[in-house]
Structure formats: structure tokens, C-alpha cells
Amino acid sequence: MVRWMPHELSSTLNSDSNVHTLVRLTAYLTGAHSSLMESNRDRKSIERPLVTVVDDDVSVRESLPNLLRQFGFSARAFSSAEEFLASDCVSQTRCLILDVVMPGVTGLDLQRQLMLRGPALPIIFITGQKDEGIRKRALEQGAVGFLLKPVISTVLLEAVNVALRGN
């Protein structure tokens, strides 16, 4: 039972034929449903921070976003720094999981570019190479984490939570 409806619709119920009334009521309810769906979509995107993965390894790009979604985050993946920078996700990203070694623009290069753009975006580096010099440089440049592949899911979750708390 509809308890409230706009005045123009209630006056239609008193004067028009039942078919015309049904059409207008259906149109009204469809519009209300669409608005509600958009509102829910907007609320979900606000409630679920976007965590973006940039890695040239296809298996990482496929598995990490799925894992992040299971943790309750919104997730996107890109195969290169250039692809990420060209996307509309840069300003929406709340945490960036970034490979160190990639063709073209490396993870450290992307970190520097993002620092120059501001504001600071929390970055968690992941790499298959154990190199203390790179690790030290990434952390000195502001990275919130530096993890070795294969990444342990609970360690990744904790790193993302730390990054988001600081953001």
C-alpha cells in the first residue's frame, strides 16, 4: 500500500482512467527505484575505499583485486603505471598496491610522480626481488609498506588497513 505520493499523482487517481493512472504510477515508482539504486551505488562506493593494484604480472592483477574485494574493499587493477595515470582512478584511489619492477615507468618512478602531484597517496610496494636498497628508498619516499611476493593475505590486509588509517 502506498501511504504517500506526490500531489499531482494523487489528483490523477481521482480524475483519470485506471489505465492512465497505472501508467503514471508505474513511471513514478520506476523513477523512485532508479533514484534509490543510484543512491545505494553512491553509498557503497563511499563506504568501500578503492584499493588499486598496479602490476605487470597478470596473475597478480587477477588475484589481488579478488582478495581485496573479499576483504570488503573496492578494487581495480592496471598493468602499468602509464595505464593507471591515464585512468579516472587516480583521484579515487585511497591506497595503491604497486609493483617495484615494471617495464616503462617503474613503481619508484610512479611513486615520485604521485608525490609531485599531491596529495599523498598511501603506497604499499610488492616485489619478487629482495633488495634492501630499493626497500629503503621506497620507505624513505613515503611508502607505508614493502612486501615480498608471494604476499600473505593477512599481512596485506594489515598493510592496507594501516595505509587507510593514515589516509
N, C-alpha and C. Protein backbone atom coordinates (compact mmCIF):
# COMPACT_ATOMS: atom_id res chain seq x y z
N MET A 1 0.84 -1.17 0.00
CA MET A 1 0.00 0.00 0.00
C MET A 1 0.88 1.23 0.00
N VAL A 2 0.60 2.19 -0.87
CA VAL A 2 1.32 3.45 -0.94
C VAL A 2 0.71 4.41 0.06
N ARG A 3 1.49 4.88 1.02
CA ARG A 3 0.98 5.77 2.06
C ARG A 3 1.14 7.24 1.65
N TRP A 4 2.12 7.54 0.80
CA TRP A 4 2.37 8.92 0.41
C TRP A 4 2.67 8.94 -1.07
N MET A 5 2.17 9.94 -1.75
CA MET A 5 2.53 10.14 -3.15
C MET A 5 2.40 11.61 -3.46
N PRO A 6 3.10 12.07 -4.47
CA PRO A 6 3.05 13.49 -4.81
C PRO A 6 1.62 13.93 -5.13
N HIS A 7 1.34 15.21 -4.89
CA HIS A 7 0.01 15.76 -5.09
C HIS A 7 -0.49 15.54 -6.52
N GLU A 8 0.38 15.78 -7.50
CA GLU A 8 -0.06 15.63 -8.90
C GLU A 8 -0.48 14.20 -9.21
N LEU A 9 0.13 13.22 -8.53
CA LEU A 9 -0.23 11.84 -8.76
C LEU A 9 -1.54 11.49 -8.04
N SER A 10 -1.74 12.02 -6.84
CA SER A 10 -2.97 11.73 -6.11
C SER A 10 -4.17 12.35 -6.81
N SER A 11 -4.02 13.55 -7.40
CA SER A 11 -5.13 14.15 -8.13
C SER A 11 -5.43 13.35 -9.39
N THR A 12 -4.41 12.73 -9.98
CA THR A 12 -4.61 11.89 -11.15
C THR A 12 -5.46 10.68 -10.79
N LEU A 13 -5.26 10.15 -9.60
CA LEU A 13 -6.05 8.99 -9.18
C LEU A 13 -7.54 9.32 -9.12
N ASN A 14 -7.86 10.57 -8.82
CA ASN A 14 -9.26 10.96 -8.69
C ASN A 14 -9.89 11.31 -10.04
N SER A 15 -9.12 11.64 -11.08
CA SER A 15 -9.73 12.15 -12.30
C SER A 15 -9.50 11.32 -13.56
N ASP A 16 -8.38 10.62 -13.69
CA ASP A 16 -8.07 9.91 -14.94
C ASP A 16 -8.57 8.47 -14.89
N SER A 17 -8.48 7.83 -16.05
CA SER A 17 -8.87 6.42 -16.11
C SER A 17 -7.86 5.56 -15.36
N ASN A 18 -8.26 4.35 -15.00
CA ASN A 18 -7.39 3.45 -14.25
C ASN A 18 -6.12 3.11 -15.02
N VAL A 19 -6.22 2.96 -16.35
CA VAL A 19 -5.05 2.62 -17.16
C VAL A 19 -4.04 3.76 -17.13
N HIS A 20 -4.51 4.96 -17.32
CA HIS A 20 -3.62 6.12 -17.30
C HIS A 20 -2.99 6.27 -15.92
N THR A 21 -3.75 6.05 -14.89
CA THR A 21 -3.24 6.12 -13.52
C THR A 21 -2.16 5.08 -13.29
N LEU A 22 -2.40 3.87 -13.76
CA LEU A 22 -1.44 2.79 -13.59
C LEU A 22 -0.13 3.13 -14.30
N VAL A 23 -0.23 3.70 -15.50
CA VAL A 23 0.97 4.07 -16.27
C VAL A 23 1.76 5.14 -15.51
N ARG A 24 1.08 6.15 -15.00
CA ARG A 24 1.77 7.22 -14.28
C ARG A 24 2.36 6.71 -12.97
N LEU A 25 1.64 5.86 -12.28
CA LEU A 25 2.14 5.31 -11.03
C LEU A 25 3.36 4.44 -11.28
N THR A 26 3.32 3.64 -12.33
CA THR A 26 4.46 2.80 -12.69
C THR A 26 5.68 3.66 -13.03
N ALA A 27 5.46 4.73 -13.80
CA ALA A 27 6.55 5.63 -14.16
C ALA A 27 7.14 6.29 -12.91
N TYR A 28 6.25 6.69 -12.00
CA TYR A 28 6.71 7.31 -10.76
C TYR A 28 7.55 6.34 -9.94
N LEU A 29 7.04 5.12 -9.77
CA LEU A 29 7.75 4.13 -8.97
C LEU A 29 9.07 3.72 -9.62
N THR A 30 9.10 3.63 -10.95
CA THR A 30 10.33 3.30 -11.66
C THR A 30 11.38 4.38 -11.42
N GLY A 31 10.96 5.64 -11.49
CA GLY A 31 11.88 6.75 -11.22
C GLY A 31 12.39 6.71 -9.80
N ALA A 32 11.50 6.42 -8.85
CA ALA A 32 11.91 6.34 -7.44
C ALA A 32 12.88 5.19 -7.25
N HIS A 33 12.62 4.05 -7.92
CA HIS A 33 13.51 2.90 -7.81
C HIS A 33 14.89 3.23 -8.38
N SER A 34 14.93 3.93 -9.52
CA SER A 34 16.21 4.30 -10.12
C SER A 34 17.00 5.21 -9.19
N SER A 35 16.32 6.17 -8.58
CA SER A 35 16.99 7.08 -7.65
C SER A 35 17.54 6.32 -6.46
N LEU A 36 16.77 5.37 -5.95
CA LEU A 36 17.21 4.56 -4.82
C LEU A 36 18.43 3.73 -5.19
N MET A 37 18.42 3.14 -6.40
CA MET A 37 19.56 2.33 -6.84
C MET A 37 20.81 3.19 -6.97
N GLU A 38 20.67 4.41 -7.53
CA GLU A 38 21.81 5.30 -7.66
C GLU A 38 22.33 5.70 -6.29
N SER A 39 21.42 5.95 -5.36
CA SER A 39 21.81 6.31 -4.01
C SER A 39 22.57 5.17 -3.34
N ASN A 40 22.10 3.94 -3.51
CA ASN A 40 22.79 2.78 -2.94
C ASN A 40 24.16 2.60 -3.56
N ARG A 41 24.26 2.79 -4.89
CA ARG A 41 25.54 2.65 -5.58
C ARG A 41 26.52 3.69 -5.06
N ASP A 42 26.06 4.95 -4.90
CA ASP A 42 26.92 6.01 -4.39
C ASP A 42 27.37 5.69 -2.97
N ARG A 43 26.45 5.22 -2.12
CA ARG A 43 26.77 4.92 -0.74
C ARG A 43 27.80 3.78 -0.67
N LYS A 44 27.63 2.77 -1.51
CA LYS A 44 28.58 1.64 -1.50
C LYS A 44 29.97 2.10 -1.90
N SER A 45 30.07 3.00 -2.90
CA SER A 45 31.39 3.44 -3.32
C SER A 45 32.04 4.31 -2.25
N ILE A 46 31.22 5.01 -1.44
CA ILE A 46 31.77 5.81 -0.36
C ILE A 46 32.20 4.90 0.79
N GLU A 47 31.41 3.89 1.08
CA GLU A 47 31.69 3.01 2.20
C GLU A 47 32.89 2.10 1.93
N ARG A 48 33.14 1.76 0.67
CA ARG A 48 34.20 0.81 0.33
C ARG A 48 35.34 1.55 -0.35
N PRO A 49 36.44 1.81 0.37
CA PRO A 49 37.55 2.54 -0.24
C PRO A 49 38.13 1.78 -1.43
N LEU A 50 38.55 2.54 -2.42
CA LEU A 50 39.15 1.95 -3.62
C LEU A 50 40.63 1.68 -3.37
N VAL A 51 41.01 0.42 -3.51
CA VAL A 51 42.40 0.00 -3.43
C VAL A 51 42.79 -0.42 -4.85
N THR A 52 43.81 0.22 -5.38
CA THR A 52 44.22 -0.02 -6.76
C THR A 52 45.53 -0.79 -6.80
N VAL A 53 45.59 -1.77 -7.70
CA VAL A 53 46.77 -2.60 -7.89
C VAL A 53 47.39 -2.24 -9.24
N VAL A 54 48.68 -1.95 -9.25
CA VAL A 54 49.41 -1.72 -10.50
C VAL A 54 50.56 -2.73 -10.53
N ASP A 55 50.45 -3.69 -11.46
CA ASP A 55 51.45 -4.75 -11.56
C ASP A 55 51.43 -5.29 -12.98
N ASP A 56 52.60 -5.53 -13.56
CA ASP A 56 52.67 -6.06 -14.91
C ASP A 56 52.40 -7.56 -14.96
N ASP A 57 52.36 -8.22 -13.83
CA ASP A 57 52.12 -9.66 -13.75
C ASP A 57 50.61 -9.91 -13.76
N VAL A 58 50.11 -10.58 -14.80
CA VAL A 58 48.68 -10.79 -14.96
C VAL A 58 48.08 -11.59 -13.80
N SER A 59 48.83 -12.54 -13.26
CA SER A 59 48.28 -13.34 -12.16
C SER A 59 48.05 -12.48 -10.91
N VAL A 60 48.92 -11.52 -10.69
CA VAL A 60 48.74 -10.60 -9.56
C VAL A 60 47.54 -9.69 -9.82
N ARG A 61 47.43 -9.19 -11.05
CA ARG A 61 46.30 -8.30 -11.40
C ARG A 61 44.97 -9.01 -11.29
N GLU A 62 44.95 -10.31 -11.48
CA GLU A 62 43.69 -11.05 -11.37
C GLU A 62 43.39 -11.47 -9.94
N SER A 63 44.41 -11.86 -9.20
CA SER A 63 44.16 -12.41 -7.86
C SER A 63 44.04 -11.36 -6.76
N LEU A 64 44.88 -10.35 -6.77
CA LEU A 64 44.83 -9.37 -5.68
C LEU A 64 43.51 -8.61 -5.61
N PRO A 65 42.97 -8.12 -6.73
CA PRO A 65 41.67 -7.43 -6.61
C PRO A 65 40.57 -8.34 -6.05
N ASN A 66 40.58 -9.61 -6.43
CA ASN A 66 39.59 -10.54 -5.87
C ASN A 66 39.77 -10.67 -4.37
N LEU A 67 40.99 -10.79 -3.91
CA LEU A 67 41.27 -10.89 -2.49
C LEU A 67 40.83 -9.61 -1.77
N LEU A 68 41.15 -8.47 -2.35
CA LEU A 68 40.77 -7.19 -1.74
C LEU A 68 39.25 -7.05 -1.64
N ARG A 69 38.53 -7.50 -2.65
CA ARG A 69 37.07 -7.46 -2.59
C ARG A 69 36.54 -8.37 -1.48
N GLN A 70 37.18 -9.52 -1.30
CA GLN A 70 36.79 -10.42 -0.20
C GLN A 70 37.01 -9.75 1.16
N PHE A 71 37.99 -8.87 1.24
CA PHE A 71 38.26 -8.13 2.47
C PHE A 71 37.28 -6.97 2.64
N GLY A 72 36.47 -6.68 1.61
CA GLY A 72 35.48 -5.62 1.72
C GLY A 72 35.84 -4.31 1.05
N PHE A 73 36.92 -4.30 0.28
CA PHE A 73 37.33 -3.09 -0.41
C PHE A 73 36.81 -3.10 -1.84
N SER A 74 36.74 -1.95 -2.43
CA SER A 74 36.54 -1.84 -3.86
C SER A 74 37.94 -1.95 -4.47
N ALA A 75 38.09 -2.58 -5.62
CA ALA A 75 39.43 -2.80 -6.16
C ALA A 75 39.45 -2.67 -7.69
N ARG A 76 40.55 -2.12 -8.19
CA ARG A 76 40.82 -2.04 -9.62
C ARG A 76 42.26 -2.45 -9.84
N ALA A 77 42.57 -2.87 -11.06
CA ALA A 77 43.94 -3.29 -11.38
C ALA A 77 44.36 -2.72 -12.73
N PHE A 78 45.63 -2.40 -12.84
CA PHE A 78 46.20 -1.86 -14.06
C PHE A 78 47.53 -2.55 -14.33
N SER A 79 47.86 -2.69 -15.61
CA SER A 79 49.06 -3.41 -16.00
C SER A 79 50.32 -2.54 -16.02
N SER A 80 50.15 -1.23 -15.93
CA SER A 80 51.31 -0.34 -15.97
C SER A 80 51.00 0.97 -15.26
N ALA A 81 52.07 1.67 -14.92
CA ALA A 81 51.92 2.98 -14.31
C ALA A 81 51.23 3.94 -15.28
N GLU A 82 51.60 3.83 -16.55
CA GLU A 82 51.00 4.71 -17.56
C GLU A 82 49.49 4.50 -17.67
N GLU A 83 49.08 3.25 -17.65
CA GLU A 83 47.64 2.92 -17.73
C GLU A 83 46.90 3.49 -16.51
N PHE A 84 47.49 3.35 -15.34
CA PHE A 84 46.89 3.89 -14.12
C PHE A 84 46.78 5.40 -14.20
N LEU A 85 47.85 6.07 -14.59
CA LEU A 85 47.85 7.54 -14.66
C LEU A 85 46.84 8.08 -15.66
N ALA A 86 46.58 7.31 -16.72
CA ALA A 86 45.62 7.74 -17.75
C ALA A 86 44.17 7.46 -17.35
N SER A 87 43.96 6.74 -16.25
CA SER A 87 42.61 6.35 -15.83
C SER A 87 41.96 7.44 -14.98
N ASP A 88 40.69 7.23 -14.70
CA ASP A 88 39.98 8.13 -13.80
C ASP A 88 40.07 7.67 -12.34
N CYS A 89 40.89 6.66 -12.08
CA CYS A 89 41.00 6.07 -10.74
C CYS A 89 42.02 6.77 -9.85
N VAL A 90 42.89 7.57 -10.41
CA VAL A 90 43.96 8.16 -9.60
C VAL A 90 43.37 8.95 -8.44
N SER A 91 42.42 9.81 -8.70
CA SER A 91 41.85 10.65 -7.65
C SER A 91 40.93 9.87 -6.71
N GLN A 92 40.42 8.73 -7.14
CA GLN A 92 39.51 7.93 -6.32
C GLN A 92 40.25 6.92 -5.44
N THR A 93 41.48 6.61 -5.80
CA THR A 93 42.25 5.59 -5.08
C THR A 93 42.60 6.07 -3.69
N ARG A 94 42.36 5.20 -2.70
CA ARG A 94 42.69 5.52 -1.30
C ARG A 94 43.94 4.79 -0.84
N CYS A 95 44.32 3.75 -1.58
CA CYS A 95 45.55 3.00 -1.28
C CYS A 95 46.01 2.36 -2.59
N LEU A 96 47.30 2.44 -2.85
CA LEU A 96 47.87 1.91 -4.08
C LEU A 96 48.81 0.77 -3.74
N ILE A 97 48.56 -0.39 -4.33
CA ILE A 97 49.47 -1.53 -4.20
C ILE A 97 50.25 -1.58 -5.51
N LEU A 98 51.55 -1.44 -5.39
CA LEU A 98 52.37 -1.13 -6.55
C LEU A 98 53.58 -2.06 -6.65
N ASP A 99 53.76 -2.66 -7.84
CA ASP A 99 54.94 -3.47 -8.10
C ASP A 99 56.14 -2.53 -8.25
N VAL A 100 57.30 -3.00 -7.85
CA VAL A 100 58.51 -2.19 -7.96
C VAL A 100 59.04 -2.21 -9.38
N VAL A 101 59.21 -3.41 -9.95
CA VAL A 101 59.84 -3.56 -11.26
C VAL A 101 58.76 -3.78 -12.31
N MET A 102 58.63 -2.79 -13.20
CA MET A 102 57.68 -2.88 -14.33
C MET A 102 58.35 -2.24 -15.54
N PRO A 103 57.98 -2.69 -16.73
CA PRO A 103 58.51 -2.04 -17.93
C PRO A 103 58.01 -0.59 -18.01
N GLY A 104 58.81 0.26 -18.61
CA GLY A 104 58.41 1.67 -18.72
C GLY A 104 58.61 2.37 -17.38
N VAL A 105 57.56 2.98 -16.89
CA VAL A 105 57.61 3.69 -15.62
C VAL A 105 57.62 2.66 -14.48
N THR A 106 58.67 2.67 -13.67
CA THR A 106 58.77 1.71 -12.56
C THR A 106 57.89 2.16 -11.40
N GLY A 107 57.77 1.28 -10.42
CA GLY A 107 56.99 1.63 -9.24
C GLY A 107 57.55 2.82 -8.50
N LEU A 108 58.87 2.88 -8.36
CA LEU A 108 59.50 4.02 -7.68
C LEU A 108 59.30 5.31 -8.47
N ASP A 109 59.35 5.23 -9.81
CA ASP A 109 59.09 6.41 -10.65
C ASP A 109 57.66 6.90 -10.45
N LEU A 110 56.71 5.97 -10.43
CA LEU A 110 55.31 6.34 -10.22
C LEU A 110 55.13 6.97 -8.84
N GLN A 111 55.77 6.42 -7.85
CA GLN A 111 55.69 6.98 -6.50
C GLN A 111 56.14 8.45 -6.51
N ARG A 112 57.26 8.74 -7.19
CA ARG A 112 57.77 10.12 -7.27
C ARG A 112 56.78 11.01 -8.01
N GLN A 113 56.22 10.53 -9.12
CA GLN A 113 55.25 11.33 -9.88
C GLN A 113 54.02 11.66 -9.04
N LEU A 114 53.54 10.69 -8.30
CA LEU A 114 52.36 10.91 -7.46
C LEU A 114 52.67 11.87 -6.32
N MET A 115 53.88 11.81 -5.77
CA MET A 115 54.27 12.75 -4.71
C MET A 115 54.26 14.18 -5.23
N LEU A 116 54.70 14.38 -6.46
CA LEU A 116 54.73 15.72 -7.05
C LEU A 116 53.32 16.25 -7.32
N ARG A 117 52.42 15.36 -7.66
CA ARG A 117 51.03 15.76 -7.93
C ARG A 117 50.29 16.15 -6.66
N GLY A 118 50.60 15.42 -5.55
CA GLY A 118 49.91 15.62 -4.29
C GLY A 118 48.42 15.40 -4.43
N PRO A 119 47.63 15.25 -3.44
CA PRO A 119 48.08 14.96 -2.09
C PRO A 119 48.66 13.55 -2.00
N ALA A 120 49.28 13.28 -0.87
CA ALA A 120 49.96 11.99 -0.68
C ALA A 120 48.98 10.83 -0.77
N LEU A 121 49.37 9.83 -1.53
CA LEU A 121 48.58 8.61 -1.69
C LEU A 121 49.36 7.49 -1.02
N PRO A 122 48.74 6.78 -0.05
CA PRO A 122 49.48 5.71 0.60
C PRO A 122 49.80 4.58 -0.37
N ILE A 123 51.06 4.17 -0.39
CA ILE A 123 51.53 3.15 -1.33
C ILE A 123 52.11 1.97 -0.56
N ILE A 124 51.70 0.78 -0.97
CA ILE A 124 52.28 -0.46 -0.49
C ILE A 124 52.98 -1.10 -1.67
N PHE A 125 54.29 -1.26 -1.57
CA PHE A 125 55.03 -1.89 -2.65
C PHE A 125 55.00 -3.41 -2.45
N ILE A 126 54.91 -4.11 -3.57
CA ILE A 126 55.07 -5.56 -3.58
C ILE A 126 56.12 -5.89 -4.63
N THR A 127 56.96 -6.85 -4.31
CA THR A 127 58.03 -7.20 -5.25
C THR A 127 58.47 -8.65 -5.05
N GLY A 128 59.01 -9.20 -6.09
CA GLY A 128 59.58 -10.53 -6.03
C GLY A 128 61.07 -10.50 -5.77
N GLN A 129 61.64 -9.28 -5.74
CA GLN A 129 63.08 -9.13 -5.56
C GLN A 129 63.40 -8.59 -4.17
N LYS A 130 64.23 -9.32 -3.46
CA LYS A 130 64.63 -8.87 -2.13
C LYS A 130 65.85 -7.97 -2.31
N ASP A 131 65.61 -6.67 -2.28
CA ASP A 131 66.67 -5.69 -2.47
C ASP A 131 66.51 -4.63 -1.38
N GLU A 132 67.39 -4.66 -0.41
CA GLU A 132 67.28 -3.76 0.74
C GLU A 132 67.42 -2.30 0.34
N GLY A 133 68.22 -2.01 -0.68
CA GLY A 133 68.38 -0.63 -1.15
C GLY A 133 67.07 -0.06 -1.70
N ILE A 134 66.39 -0.84 -2.52
CA ILE A 134 65.11 -0.39 -3.08
C ILE A 134 64.08 -0.26 -1.97
N ARG A 135 64.05 -1.23 -1.07
CA ARG A 135 63.11 -1.17 0.06
C ARG A 135 63.32 0.11 0.87
N LYS A 136 64.56 0.40 1.19
CA LYS A 136 64.89 1.59 1.98
C LYS A 136 64.47 2.86 1.26
N ARG A 137 64.76 2.93 -0.04
CA ARG A 137 64.41 4.12 -0.83
C ARG A 137 62.89 4.31 -0.90
N ALA A 138 62.15 3.22 -1.12
CA ALA A 138 60.69 3.31 -1.20
C ALA A 138 60.10 3.82 0.11
N LEU A 139 60.59 3.29 1.22
CA LEU A 139 60.07 3.71 2.52
C LEU A 139 60.48 5.15 2.85
N GLU A 140 61.70 5.54 2.47
CA GLU A 140 62.14 6.93 2.69
C GLU A 140 61.30 7.91 1.89
N GLN A 141 60.82 7.47 0.74
CA GLN A 141 59.99 8.33 -0.12
C GLN A 141 58.52 8.29 0.30
N GLY A 142 58.21 7.61 1.40
CA GLY A 142 56.86 7.68 1.94
C GLY A 142 55.99 6.44 1.82
N ALA A 143 56.51 5.36 1.27
CA ALA A 143 55.69 4.14 1.18
C ALA A 143 55.31 3.68 2.59
N VAL A 144 54.09 3.16 2.72
CA VAL A 144 53.64 2.68 4.03
C VAL A 144 53.93 1.20 4.23
N GLY A 145 54.32 0.52 3.17
CA GLY A 145 54.62 -0.89 3.27
C GLY A 145 55.48 -1.36 2.12
N PHE A 146 56.20 -2.45 2.35
CA PHE A 146 57.05 -3.04 1.32
C PHE A 146 57.03 -4.55 1.56
N LEU A 147 56.27 -5.27 0.72
CA LEU A 147 56.03 -6.69 0.93
C LEU A 147 56.66 -7.52 -0.18
N LEU A 148 57.14 -8.71 0.19
CA LEU A 148 57.71 -9.63 -0.79
C LEU A 148 56.63 -10.58 -1.32
N LYS A 149 56.72 -10.86 -2.63
CA LYS A 149 55.83 -11.84 -3.25
C LYS A 149 56.38 -13.23 -2.97
N PRO A 150 55.57 -14.21 -2.77
CA PRO A 150 54.11 -14.12 -2.74
C PRO A 150 53.66 -13.46 -1.43
N VAL A 151 52.66 -12.61 -1.55
CA VAL A 151 52.17 -11.83 -0.42
C VAL A 151 51.21 -12.69 0.41
N ILE A 152 51.40 -12.67 1.71
CA ILE A 152 50.50 -13.37 2.63
C ILE A 152 49.27 -12.49 2.84
N SER A 153 48.10 -13.06 2.64
CA SER A 153 46.87 -12.27 2.64
C SER A 153 46.65 -11.49 3.93
N THR A 154 46.93 -12.07 5.07
CA THR A 154 46.70 -11.36 6.34
C THR A 154 47.69 -10.20 6.50
N VAL A 155 48.89 -10.37 6.00
CA VAL A 155 49.89 -9.29 6.06
C VAL A 155 49.46 -8.15 5.13
N LEU A 156 48.96 -8.50 3.95
CA LEU A 156 48.46 -7.49 3.02
C LEU A 156 47.29 -6.73 3.63
N LEU A 157 46.34 -7.43 4.22
CA LEU A 157 45.18 -6.79 4.85
C LEU A 157 45.63 -5.81 5.92
N GLU A 158 46.56 -6.22 6.75
CA GLU A 158 47.04 -5.33 7.80
C GLU A 158 47.73 -4.09 7.20
N ALA A 159 48.51 -4.28 6.15
CA ALA A 159 49.18 -3.15 5.49
C ALA A 159 48.17 -2.18 4.89
N VAL A 160 47.14 -2.70 4.25
CA VAL A 160 46.10 -1.85 3.66
C VAL A 160 45.36 -1.10 4.77
N ASN A 161 45.03 -1.76 5.84
CA ASN A 161 44.34 -1.08 6.95
C ASN A 161 45.20 0.01 7.55
N VAL A 162 46.49 -0.23 7.71
CA VAL A 162 47.40 0.80 8.21
C VAL A 162 47.44 1.98 7.25
N ALA A 163 47.52 1.68 5.95
CA ALA A 163 47.56 2.74 4.93
C ALA A 163 46.29 3.58 4.97
N LEU A 164 45.15 2.94 5.10
CA LEU A 164 43.88 3.67 5.09
C LEU A 164 43.67 4.48 6.37
N ARG A 165 44.16 3.99 7.47
CA ARG A 165 44.04 4.76 8.72
C ARG A 165 44.86 6.04 8.65
N GLY A 166 45.99 5.97 7.95
CA GLY A 166 46.83 7.14 7.80
C GLY A 166 46.35 8.10 6.75
N ASN A 167 45.41 7.64 5.88
CA ASN A 167 44.92 8.47 4.77
C ASN A 167 43.79 9.32 5.27
